[in-house]
């Protein structure tokens, strides 16, 4: 895989258009898009915008529904690789954040395009299984402001725990190097 490009400042609409152009150019039966980045970088916003603009049916999975608790970034990465990207019977077990335990099983249609967004979505093993891999980047101060504005008191006590897992993900998986698009959403 070639070196990852440097971050391109893009509006969400421009990012979506670029991803859809790459999906169209790839001309594959079932496109898979992985959106990774640190907390507060705009993954959820980009994933929702991409799903809304998709020309036809698409499945959107938020890794917030997959992480098995506040220490679950690596576990969710393995779910992406082995369960969400399973070509025959894709699916996952949800996480019930209120009860702090596994929830129900969700299945995906292996014939319908898939967008997965969340920290840990792009790994060495999962990257080759995707059509487009994107890393969303943003400076640490703005990321923290966005994340805490979104999730407030629920997230603040866990910020450092989660940031440490993101650092390990960056060191162990080098997701940016496996992405064909690096963007800073404005």
Protein backbone atom coordinates (compact mmCIF):
# COMPACT_ATOMS: atom_id res chain seq x y z
CA UNK A 1 0.00 0.00 0.00
CA UNK A 2 1.42 3.44 -0.83
CA UNK A 3 2.27 5.99 1.84
CA UNK A 4 -0.79 7.68 3.29
CA UNK A 5 -1.34 11.22 2.04
CA UNK A 6 -1.15 14.20 4.35
CA UNK A 7 -4.41 15.51 5.81
CA UNK A 8 -6.53 17.44 3.32
CA UNK A 9 -8.83 20.09 4.77
CA UNK A 10 -12.29 19.29 3.40
CA UNK A 11 -15.88 20.12 4.11
CA UNK A 12 -18.01 17.12 5.02
CA UNK A 13 -19.77 17.38 1.65
CA UNK A 14 -16.46 17.40 -0.24
CA UNK A 15 -15.23 14.43 1.80
CA UNK A 16 -18.40 12.47 1.02
CA UNK A 17 -18.12 13.29 -2.69
CA UNK A 18 -14.49 12.14 -2.73
CA UNK A 19 -15.27 8.86 -0.96
CA UNK A 20 -18.21 8.14 -3.27
CA UNK A 21 -16.03 8.87 -6.31
CA UNK A 22 -13.44 6.39 -5.06
CA UNK A 23 -16.12 3.77 -4.39
CA UNK A 24 -17.51 4.25 -7.91
CA UNK A 25 -14.04 4.04 -9.45
CA UNK A 26 -13.30 0.81 -7.57
CA UNK A 27 -16.28 -0.86 -9.27
CA UNK A 28 -16.66 -3.67 -6.72
CA UNK A 29 -19.77 -5.74 -6.02
CA UNK A 30 -19.98 -4.77 -2.34
CA UNK A 31 -18.11 -1.61 -1.39
CA UNK A 32 -16.81 -1.33 2.18
CA UNK A 33 -15.71 2.00 3.64
CA UNK A 34 -13.80 2.22 6.92
CA UNK A 35 -13.65 5.60 8.69
CA UNK A 36 -11.11 5.82 11.50
CA UNK A 37 -9.69 8.64 13.59
CA UNK A 38 -9.37 9.77 17.17
CA UNK A 39 -12.32 10.78 19.30
CA UNK A 40 -13.91 14.04 18.20
CA UNK A 41 -12.40 14.02 14.71
CA UNK A 42 -15.74 13.84 12.88
CA UNK A 43 -16.12 10.14 12.10
CA UNK A 44 -19.78 9.88 13.13
CA UNK A 45 -20.73 13.04 11.24
CA UNK A 46 -18.88 11.81 8.14
CA UNK A 47 -20.39 8.33 8.40
CA UNK A 48 -23.93 9.67 8.66
CA UNK A 49 -23.39 12.10 5.78
CA UNK A 50 -21.89 9.35 3.63
CA UNK A 51 -24.79 6.98 4.35
CA UNK A 52 -27.31 9.75 3.57
CA UNK A 53 -25.63 10.51 0.22
CA UNK A 54 -25.06 6.87 -0.78
CA UNK A 55 -26.79 6.12 -4.10
CA UNK A 56 -28.87 3.19 -2.92
CA UNK A 57 -29.04 0.98 0.14
CA UNK A 58 -26.09 1.08 2.54
CA UNK A 59 -25.45 -0.23 6.05
CA UNK A 60 -23.80 2.08 8.60
CA UNK A 61 -22.20 0.64 11.72
CA UNK A 62 -21.06 2.94 14.52
CA UNK A 63 -18.32 1.32 16.58
CA UNK A 64 -19.86 3.02 19.63
CA UNK A 65 -22.42 0.18 19.34
CA UNK A 66 -19.63 -2.41 19.22
CA UNK A 67 -17.04 -1.37 21.85
CA UNK A 68 -17.41 -3.63 24.88
CA UNK A 69 -17.14 -0.77 27.36
CA UNK A 70 -14.58 1.95 27.94
CA UNK A 71 -11.64 -0.45 27.60
CA UNK A 72 -12.87 -2.03 24.36
CA UNK A 73 -11.13 -0.34 21.43
CA UNK A 74 -8.91 -3.32 20.57
CA UNK A 75 -11.78 -5.78 20.99
CA UNK A 76 -13.93 -3.72 18.60
CA UNK A 77 -11.08 -3.67 16.05
CA UNK A 78 -11.08 -7.47 16.10
CA UNK A 79 -14.88 -7.48 15.63
CA UNK A 80 -14.42 -5.31 12.52
CA UNK A 81 -11.81 -7.69 11.09
CA UNK A 82 -13.52 -10.99 11.91
CA UNK A 83 -17.23 -10.28 12.17
CA UNK A 84 -18.31 -7.05 10.44
CA UNK A 85 -16.15 -7.78 7.38
CA UNK A 86 -17.08 -11.47 7.26
CA UNK A 87 -18.04 -12.01 3.60
CA UNK A 88 -20.65 -14.69 4.39
CA UNK A 89 -22.39 -13.86 7.69
CA UNK A 90 -21.41 -10.36 8.85
CA UNK A 91 -22.71 -9.08 12.16
CA UNK A 92 -21.80 -8.23 15.74
CA UNK A 93 -22.96 -8.34 19.32
CA UNK A 94 -24.03 -4.92 20.53
CA UNK A 95 -22.90 -3.39 23.81
CA UNK A 96 -25.48 -2.23 26.33
CA UNK A 97 -23.78 0.85 27.81
CA UNK A 98 -26.46 1.36 30.47
CA UNK A 99 -26.17 -2.20 31.82
CA UNK A 100 -22.43 -2.47 31.05
CA UNK A 101 -22.84 -5.87 29.38
CA UNK A 102 -23.28 -7.40 25.93
CA UNK A 103 -26.58 -6.69 24.21
CA UNK A 104 -28.28 -8.39 21.28
CA UNK A 105 -26.85 -9.75 18.08
CA UNK A 106 -27.16 -7.67 14.89
CA UNK A 107 -26.65 -9.07 11.44
CA UNK A 108 -25.67 -7.35 8.22
CA UNK A 109 -26.58 -8.20 4.65
CA UNK A 110 -23.36 -9.40 2.95
CA UNK A 111 -24.62 -8.07 -0.39
CA UNK A 112 -25.31 -4.47 0.74
CA UNK A 113 -22.52 -1.84 0.87
CA UNK A 114 -21.10 -1.18 4.33
CA UNK A 115 -19.72 1.89 6.10
CA UNK A 116 -18.00 1.36 9.46
CA UNK A 117 -17.05 4.41 11.49
CA UNK A 118 -15.16 4.56 14.75
CA UNK A 119 -11.77 4.64 16.41
CA UNK A 120 -10.10 1.34 15.62
CA UNK A 121 -11.94 0.70 12.33
CA UNK A 122 -8.75 0.49 10.24
CA UNK A 123 -6.26 -2.23 11.14
CA UNK A 124 -3.52 -4.06 9.28
CA UNK A 125 -5.75 -7.13 8.91
CA UNK A 126 -8.96 -5.27 8.06
CA UNK A 127 -7.59 -2.66 5.64
CA UNK A 128 -7.19 -5.05 2.67
CA UNK A 129 -10.86 -6.06 3.04
CA UNK A 130 -12.12 -2.50 2.48
CA UNK A 131 -12.68 -0.54 -0.71
CA UNK A 132 -11.90 2.85 0.83
CA UNK A 133 -10.08 3.52 4.11
CA UNK A 134 -10.11 7.04 5.51
CA UNK A 135 -8.43 8.61 8.52
CA UNK A 136 -10.04 11.74 9.94
CA UNK A 137 -7.56 14.02 11.64
CA UNK A 138 -7.98 17.09 13.81
CA UNK A 139 -5.89 18.88 16.43
CA UNK A 140 -6.18 17.57 19.99
CA UNK A 141 -7.73 20.70 21.51
CA UNK A 142 -10.57 20.84 18.98
CA UNK A 143 -11.15 17.08 19.14
CA UNK A 144 -11.53 17.21 22.92
CA UNK A 145 -13.82 20.23 22.73
CA UNK A 146 -16.06 18.49 20.19
CA UNK A 147 -16.15 15.17 22.05
CA UNK A 148 -16.97 16.72 25.41
CA UNK A 149 -19.57 19.04 23.87
CA UNK A 150 -21.19 15.94 22.38
CA UNK A 151 -20.95 13.54 25.34
CA UNK A 152 -20.14 15.84 28.27
CA UNK A 153 -20.07 14.41 31.75
CA UNK A 154 -20.43 10.82 30.51
CA UNK A 155 -17.18 10.93 28.54
CA UNK A 156 -14.99 13.35 30.50
CA UNK A 157 -13.87 10.88 33.22
CA UNK A 158 -12.92 8.39 30.49
CA UNK A 159 -11.09 10.76 28.14
CA UNK A 160 -7.58 9.73 29.23
CA UNK A 161 -8.43 6.01 29.27
CA UNK A 162 -9.78 6.22 25.74
CA UNK A 163 -6.92 8.42 24.50
CA UNK A 164 -4.40 5.85 25.75
CA UNK A 165 -6.19 3.14 23.74
CA UNK A 166 -6.12 5.36 20.67
CA UNK A 167 -2.36 5.83 21.15
CA UNK A 168 -1.91 2.05 21.33
CA UNK A 169 -4.04 1.62 18.20
CA UNK A 170 -1.86 4.15 16.36
CA UNK A 171 1.35 2.45 17.52
CA UNK A 172 0.23 -1.16 16.97
CA UNK A 173 -1.85 -0.86 13.81
CA UNK A 174 -0.52 2.30 12.10
CA UNK A 175 -3.97 2.99 10.61
CA UNK A 176 -2.94 6.19 8.84
CA UNK A 177 -0.43 4.26 6.73
CA UNK A 178 -3.23 1.90 5.65
CA UNK A 179 -5.59 4.69 4.57
CA UNK A 180 -5.90 5.99 1.05
CA UNK A 181 -7.50 9.21 2.25
CA UNK A 182 -6.58 11.44 5.20
CA UNK A 183 -8.81 14.42 5.80
CA UNK A 184 -9.45 17.17 8.29
CA UNK A 185 -13.16 17.95 8.21
CA UNK A 186 -14.12 21.60 8.53
